[in-house]
Amino acid sequence: MKQYAIGIDIGGTHFRKVVIERRGKFLKPPQKENVVHTDYHRIIKKITESVKEEDRKKISCVGVSIAGPVDFKKQAVKETPHLPFPKNFSLKKAVEKKLKIPVFIDNDMNCAAEAELKFGALKNYKNAVILTISTGVGSAIIIDGRIYRGKDGMAGEVGHLSGYVSKNGRIEALASGESLEERMRKALKEKKRLDALKIYQRALKGDKLSKKLIKDTAYWMGIVLANVTNMLNPEVIIMDGGFFLGTLPLTLDTIKRVLKQKSTAPPKLLKSKMGDLGGAIGAAILALKNS
């Protein structure tokens, strides 16, 4: 009986795969690889080969989580700086043609939301936002227990909110790990990239410049949360991402203070329960729901 789904998460530097059934039981241990994707043909080959490794008699469908904007209705990958797909590329059709099995795609944040709703921190909430702050800023919106995708399936691009004083006009240019690295690089007049978590370590050791830049970044992270809260009035915001989780001891108090000052009804702040497998698990859930 075909009762399992394969969930695949394609990020700029990773490939993750799970094989699960509707209740969340894993058929086998999750697969995690660090890989830089340089060619979209190779990504398609990687997906198809990974699916063909499994017992096809047990697999009913495949879900793919993509690090970047996805037109959910057309099941197409929009232009994304993280992966080498052509603009408006129909990944669903390309993979289905090779596998002859139902395939469904969505962006990584919506897939993570599917996982948190089904098995994670959002099981008991109906109105929430998932916010990931890492290299950039990503989010997913849940309204009345369902993911809100908008007209083209691209709602929730919080990192692209504009109107701020930044180089590219986007909030993630102020409230992300990459923004911290860029500001430190300019302050020190360095040409090489500086790692955000190393800057954090310098701040822990008392470096005044590092502490200031970390605090500035935390302020803008708080502004992001406050604006999302004022717009959507969620019960809870799930915070995730390497930069956010890695810098909590120096950022959380500032984030909470700004959120309280700038929002009308501050929500609960919770950590993700799904971790780095959320995208892959959510992709499998998405496929099971739609097949």
Protein backbone atom coordinates (compact mmCIF):
# COMPACT_ATOMS: atom_id res chain seq x y z
CA MET A 1 0.00 0.00 0.00
CA LYS A 2 1.30 3.44 -0.96
CA GLN A 3 1.11 5.29 2.35
CA TYR A 4 4.39 7.23 2.52
CA ALA A 5 5.45 10.57 1.06
CA ILE A 6 8.94 11.82 0.34
CA GLY A 7 9.69 15.34 1.49
CA ILE A 8 12.73 17.13 0.06
CA ASP A 9 14.14 20.47 1.17
CA ILE A 10 16.38 22.30 -1.32
CA GLY A 11 18.33 25.18 0.19
CA GLY A 12 21.17 27.28 -1.13
CA THR A 13 23.73 25.05 0.62
CA HIS A 14 21.81 21.96 1.68
CA PHE A 15 19.70 18.96 0.61
CA ARG A 16 17.42 17.22 3.12
CA LYS A 17 15.06 14.30 2.67
CA VAL A 18 12.50 12.51 4.82
CA VAL A 19 10.14 9.60 4.09
CA ILE A 20 7.08 9.76 6.33
CA GLU A 21 3.43 8.70 6.58
CA ARG A 22 0.46 10.86 7.58
CA ARG A 23 0.93 10.41 11.33
CA GLY A 24 4.57 11.49 11.12
CA LYS A 25 6.20 8.07 11.35
CA PHE A 26 9.56 7.93 9.54
CA LEU A 27 10.14 5.00 7.20
CA LYS A 28 13.90 5.56 7.51
CA PRO A 29 16.28 8.07 9.15
CA PRO A 30 16.31 11.57 7.59
CA GLN A 31 18.99 12.34 5.02
CA LYS A 32 21.03 15.55 5.34
CA GLU A 33 23.72 16.79 2.98
CA ASN A 34 25.66 20.02 2.67
CA VAL A 35 25.82 20.88 -1.00
CA VAL A 36 26.09 24.04 -3.10
CA HIS A 37 23.62 23.93 -6.00
CA THR A 38 25.17 25.40 -9.15
CA ASP A 39 22.97 23.99 -11.92
CA TYR A 40 19.22 23.39 -11.95
CA HIS A 41 19.56 20.27 -14.11
CA ARG A 42 21.64 18.75 -11.34
CA ILE A 43 19.00 19.68 -8.77
CA ILE A 44 16.34 17.86 -10.80
CA LYS A 45 18.66 14.87 -11.17
CA LYS A 46 19.35 14.89 -7.43
CA ILE A 47 15.62 14.92 -6.64
CA THR A 48 14.76 12.13 -9.07
CA GLU A 49 17.65 9.90 -8.05
CA SER A 50 16.80 10.40 -4.39
CA VAL A 51 13.19 9.32 -5.00
CA LYS A 52 14.22 6.32 -7.10
CA GLU A 53 16.29 5.03 -4.17
CA GLU A 54 13.09 4.27 -2.29
CA ASP A 55 10.60 1.42 -2.59
CA ARG A 56 8.15 2.93 -5.08
CA LYS A 57 5.43 0.53 -3.93
CA LYS A 58 5.27 2.46 -0.65
CA ILE A 59 5.55 6.03 -2.03
CA SER A 60 2.38 7.88 -3.03
CA CYS A 61 3.74 11.39 -3.67
CA VAL A 62 6.66 13.80 -3.38
CA GLY A 63 6.85 17.28 -1.87
CA VAL A 64 9.67 19.73 -2.50
CA SER A 65 10.52 22.72 -0.31
CA ILE A 66 12.33 25.54 -2.13
CA ALA A 67 14.46 28.32 -0.62
CA GLY A 68 12.86 31.17 -2.53
CA PRO A 69 9.56 32.52 -3.89
CA VAL A 70 7.18 29.96 -5.40
CA ASP A 71 4.06 30.60 -7.47
CA PHE A 72 1.93 28.03 -5.67
CA LYS A 73 -0.92 28.03 -8.19
CA LYS A 74 1.40 27.44 -11.14
CA GLN A 75 3.76 25.28 -9.06
CA ALA A 76 6.67 27.25 -10.46
CA VAL A 77 9.86 28.59 -8.91
CA LYS A 78 10.10 32.36 -9.26
CA GLU A 79 13.46 34.08 -9.62
CA THR A 80 15.56 33.37 -6.52
CA PRO A 81 19.14 34.34 -5.66
CA HIS A 82 19.62 31.17 -3.62
CA LEU A 83 19.08 28.55 -6.34
CA PRO A 84 20.01 28.46 -10.05
CA PHE A 85 16.52 27.91 -11.49
CA PRO A 86 15.39 29.93 -14.53
CA LYS A 87 12.71 32.50 -13.75
CA ASN A 88 9.20 31.01 -13.45
CA PHE A 89 10.54 27.47 -13.81
CA SER A 90 7.88 24.73 -13.58
CA LEU A 91 9.70 22.37 -11.23
CA LYS A 92 6.59 20.27 -10.62
CA LYS A 93 6.25 19.40 -14.31
CA ALA A 94 9.96 18.74 -14.74
CA VAL A 95 10.12 16.27 -11.86
CA GLU A 96 6.76 14.60 -12.57
CA LYS A 97 7.86 13.98 -16.15
CA LYS A 98 10.80 11.92 -14.90
CA LEU A 99 9.14 10.18 -11.95
CA LYS A 100 5.53 9.63 -13.10
CA ILE A 101 4.35 10.38 -9.57
CA PRO A 102 2.46 13.39 -8.09
CA VAL A 103 4.85 16.19 -7.07
CA PHE A 104 4.00 19.38 -5.17
CA ILE A 105 6.24 22.35 -4.38
CA ASP A 106 6.13 25.35 -2.08
CA ASN A 107 8.63 27.75 -0.53
CA ASP A 108 10.58 26.62 2.50
CA MET A 109 8.80 28.84 5.00
CA ASN A 110 5.32 27.61 4.06
CA CYS A 111 6.58 24.04 4.24
CA ALA A 112 8.03 24.72 7.69
CA ALA A 113 4.61 26.10 8.69
CA GLU A 114 2.91 22.89 7.51
CA ALA A 115 5.23 20.91 9.77
CA GLU A 116 4.73 23.15 12.81
CA LEU A 117 0.93 23.03 12.37
CA LYS A 118 0.80 19.25 12.06
CA PHE A 119 3.46 18.08 14.50
CA GLY A 120 5.20 21.08 16.09
CA ALA A 121 4.78 24.25 18.11
CA LEU A 122 1.58 25.39 16.35
CA LYS A 123 -0.60 22.34 17.03
CA ASN A 124 -2.71 24.38 19.46
CA TYR A 125 -2.73 27.74 17.63
CA LYS A 126 -4.76 29.04 14.69
CA ASN A 127 -3.24 32.49 14.07
CA ALA A 128 0.53 32.68 13.93
CA VAL A 129 3.61 33.78 12.06
CA ILE A 130 6.81 31.83 11.57
CA LEU A 131 9.81 34.11 11.28
CA THR A 132 13.28 32.90 10.36
CA ILE A 133 16.21 35.25 10.80
CA SER A 134 19.45 33.87 9.44
CA THR A 135 21.41 35.08 6.41
CA GLY A 136 18.17 36.78 5.37
CA VAL A 137 14.64 37.09 6.76
CA GLY A 138 11.81 34.73 5.80
CA SER A 139 8.31 34.13 7.08
CA ALA A 140 5.03 32.26 6.74
CA ILE A 141 1.56 33.41 7.79
CA ILE A 142 -1.11 31.19 9.37
CA ILE A 143 -4.68 32.51 9.58
CA ASP A 144 -7.53 30.44 11.07
CA GLY A 145 -5.32 27.36 11.08
CA ARG A 146 -4.39 27.56 7.40
CA ILE A 147 -1.36 28.91 5.59
CA TYR A 148 -2.12 32.22 3.88
CA ARG A 149 -0.42 32.31 0.49
CA GLY A 150 -2.05 35.31 -1.21
CA LYS A 151 -2.97 35.71 -4.88
CA ASP A 152 0.12 34.05 -6.36
CA GLY A 153 1.26 32.06 -3.34
CA MET A 154 3.96 34.54 -2.39
CA ALA A 155 2.51 36.19 0.73
CA GLY A 156 4.74 36.46 3.77
CA GLU A 157 7.91 37.89 2.23
CA VAL A 158 8.61 39.92 5.35
CA GLY A 159 12.28 40.34 4.50
CA HIS A 160 11.26 42.35 1.42
CA LEU A 161 9.21 44.91 3.34
CA SER A 162 10.42 48.32 2.22
CA GLY A 163 10.40 51.87 3.51
CA TYR A 164 13.47 51.57 5.71
CA VAL A 165 16.77 53.40 5.55
CA SER A 166 18.96 50.69 4.05
CA LYS A 167 21.07 50.10 0.99
CA ASN A 168 18.51 48.06 -0.91
CA GLY A 169 15.36 49.35 0.81
CA ARG A 170 14.52 46.00 2.43
CA ILE A 171 14.22 45.23 6.12
CA GLU A 172 16.49 42.18 5.86
CA ALA A 173 19.29 44.63 5.04
CA LEU A 174 19.04 45.71 8.70
CA ALA A 175 17.70 42.72 10.62
CA SER A 176 19.69 39.69 9.46
CA GLY A 177 23.01 37.98 9.94
CA GLU A 178 24.20 39.16 6.55
CA SER A 179 23.36 42.77 7.42
CA LEU A 180 25.42 42.50 10.61
CA GLU A 181 28.37 41.13 8.64
CA GLU A 182 28.14 43.95 6.10
CA ARG A 183 28.00 46.70 8.73
CA MET A 184 30.96 45.24 10.61
CA ARG A 185 32.93 44.91 7.38
CA LYS A 186 32.34 48.59 6.59
CA ALA A 187 33.14 49.71 10.12
CA LEU A 188 36.48 47.91 10.04
CA LYS A 189 37.09 48.75 6.36
CA GLU A 190 37.61 45.07 5.63
CA LYS A 191 37.26 43.56 2.18
CA LYS A 192 36.61 40.01 3.33
CA ARG A 193 33.25 38.84 4.68
CA LEU A 194 33.03 38.56 8.47
CA ASP A 195 30.97 35.73 9.98
CA ALA A 196 27.95 36.92 12.02
CA LEU A 197 28.37 34.36 14.78
CA LYS A 198 32.04 35.28 15.14
CA ILE A 199 30.97 38.90 15.59
CA TYR A 200 28.60 37.64 18.28
CA GLN A 201 31.48 35.83 20.01
CA ARG A 202 33.49 39.06 19.96
CA ALA A 203 30.53 40.84 21.56
CA LEU A 204 30.39 38.22 24.33
CA LYS A 205 34.05 38.95 25.06
CA GLY A 206 33.27 42.64 25.49
CA ASP A 207 34.15 44.15 22.11
CA LYS A 208 32.26 47.48 22.09
CA LEU A 209 31.74 47.74 18.33
CA SER A 210 30.45 44.17 18.08
CA LYS A 211 28.06 44.74 21.00
CA LYS A 212 26.71 47.93 19.42
CA LEU A 213 26.11 46.32 16.04
CA ILE A 214 24.46 43.29 17.63
CA LYS A 215 22.18 45.61 19.64
CA ASP A 216 21.31 47.61 16.50
CA THR A 217 20.43 44.40 14.68
CA ALA A 218 18.29 43.23 17.61
CA TYR A 219 16.41 46.56 17.50
CA TRP A 220 15.50 46.02 13.86
CA MET A 221 14.55 42.43 14.56
CA GLY A 222 12.15 43.79 17.16
CA ILE A 223 10.77 46.26 14.61
CA VAL A 224 10.10 43.38 12.20
CA LEU A 225 8.17 41.50 14.89
CA ALA A 226 6.23 44.61 15.90
CA ASN A 227 5.17 45.42 12.35
CA VAL A 228 4.10 41.83 11.69
CA THR A 229 2.16 41.88 14.98
CA ASN A 230 0.39 45.15 14.23
CA MET A 231 -0.58 43.93 10.78
CA LEU A 232 -1.74 40.38 11.60
CA ASN A 233 -2.43 40.23 15.37
CA PRO A 234 -1.07 36.67 15.77
CA GLU A 235 -1.40 34.58 18.92
CA VAL A 236 2.21 33.49 18.61
CA ILE A 237 5.34 34.10 16.55
CA ILE A 238 7.64 31.14 16.03
CA MET A 239 11.24 32.31 15.89
CA ASP A 240 13.80 30.25 14.00
CA GLY A 241 17.03 30.59 12.02
CA GLY A 242 20.70 30.21 12.80
CA PHE A 243 21.36 33.88 13.47
CA PHE A 244 18.37 34.36 15.74
CA LEU A 245 18.91 31.20 17.78
CA GLY A 246 22.68 31.66 17.90
CA THR A 247 22.57 35.19 19.32
CA LEU A 248 19.63 34.95 21.77
CA PRO A 249 21.55 35.79 24.97
CA LEU A 250 22.45 39.25 23.58
CA THR A 251 19.38 39.95 21.43
CA LEU A 252 16.26 38.59 23.10
CA ASP A 253 15.80 41.31 25.75
CA THR A 254 16.07 44.06 23.12
CA ILE A 255 13.71 42.22 20.75
CA LYS A 256 11.09 41.80 23.49
CA ARG A 257 11.43 45.42 24.62
CA VAL A 258 10.97 46.83 21.11
CA LEU A 259 8.09 44.43 20.41
CA LYS A 260 6.32 45.57 23.58
CA GLN A 261 6.93 49.27 22.85
CA LYS A 262 5.97 49.21 19.18
CA SER A 263 3.06 46.75 19.00
CA THR A 264 -0.49 46.97 20.28
CA ALA A 265 -0.89 43.34 21.41
CA PRO A 266 2.45 41.52 21.72
CA PRO A 267 2.12 37.77 21.00
CA LYS A 268 3.93 34.86 22.59
CA LEU A 269 7.40 34.16 21.23
CA LEU A 270 8.24 30.48 20.83
CA LYS A 271 11.06 28.49 19.27
CA SER A 272 10.48 26.07 16.40
CA LYS A 273 10.06 22.43 17.40
CA MET A 274 10.86 21.04 13.95
CA GLY A 275 14.40 22.37 13.59
CA ASP A 276 16.21 22.03 10.27
CA LEU A 277 13.92 19.20 9.10
CA GLY A 278 10.83 21.41 9.10
CA GLY A 279 11.05 22.17 5.39
CA ALA A 280 11.36 18.54 4.34
CA ILE A 281 8.66 17.29 6.74
CA GLY A 282 6.32 20.08 5.70
CA ALA A 283 6.92 19.30 2.02
CA ALA A 284 5.86 15.70 2.63
CA ILE A 285 2.74 16.88 4.51
CA LEU A 286 1.92 19.25 1.63
CA ALA A 287 2.15 16.38 -0.85
CA LEU A 288 -0.01 14.07 1.25
CA LYS A 289 -2.67 16.78 1.65
CA ASN A 290 -2.86 17.48 -2.09
CA SER A 291 -2.46 14.05 -3.66
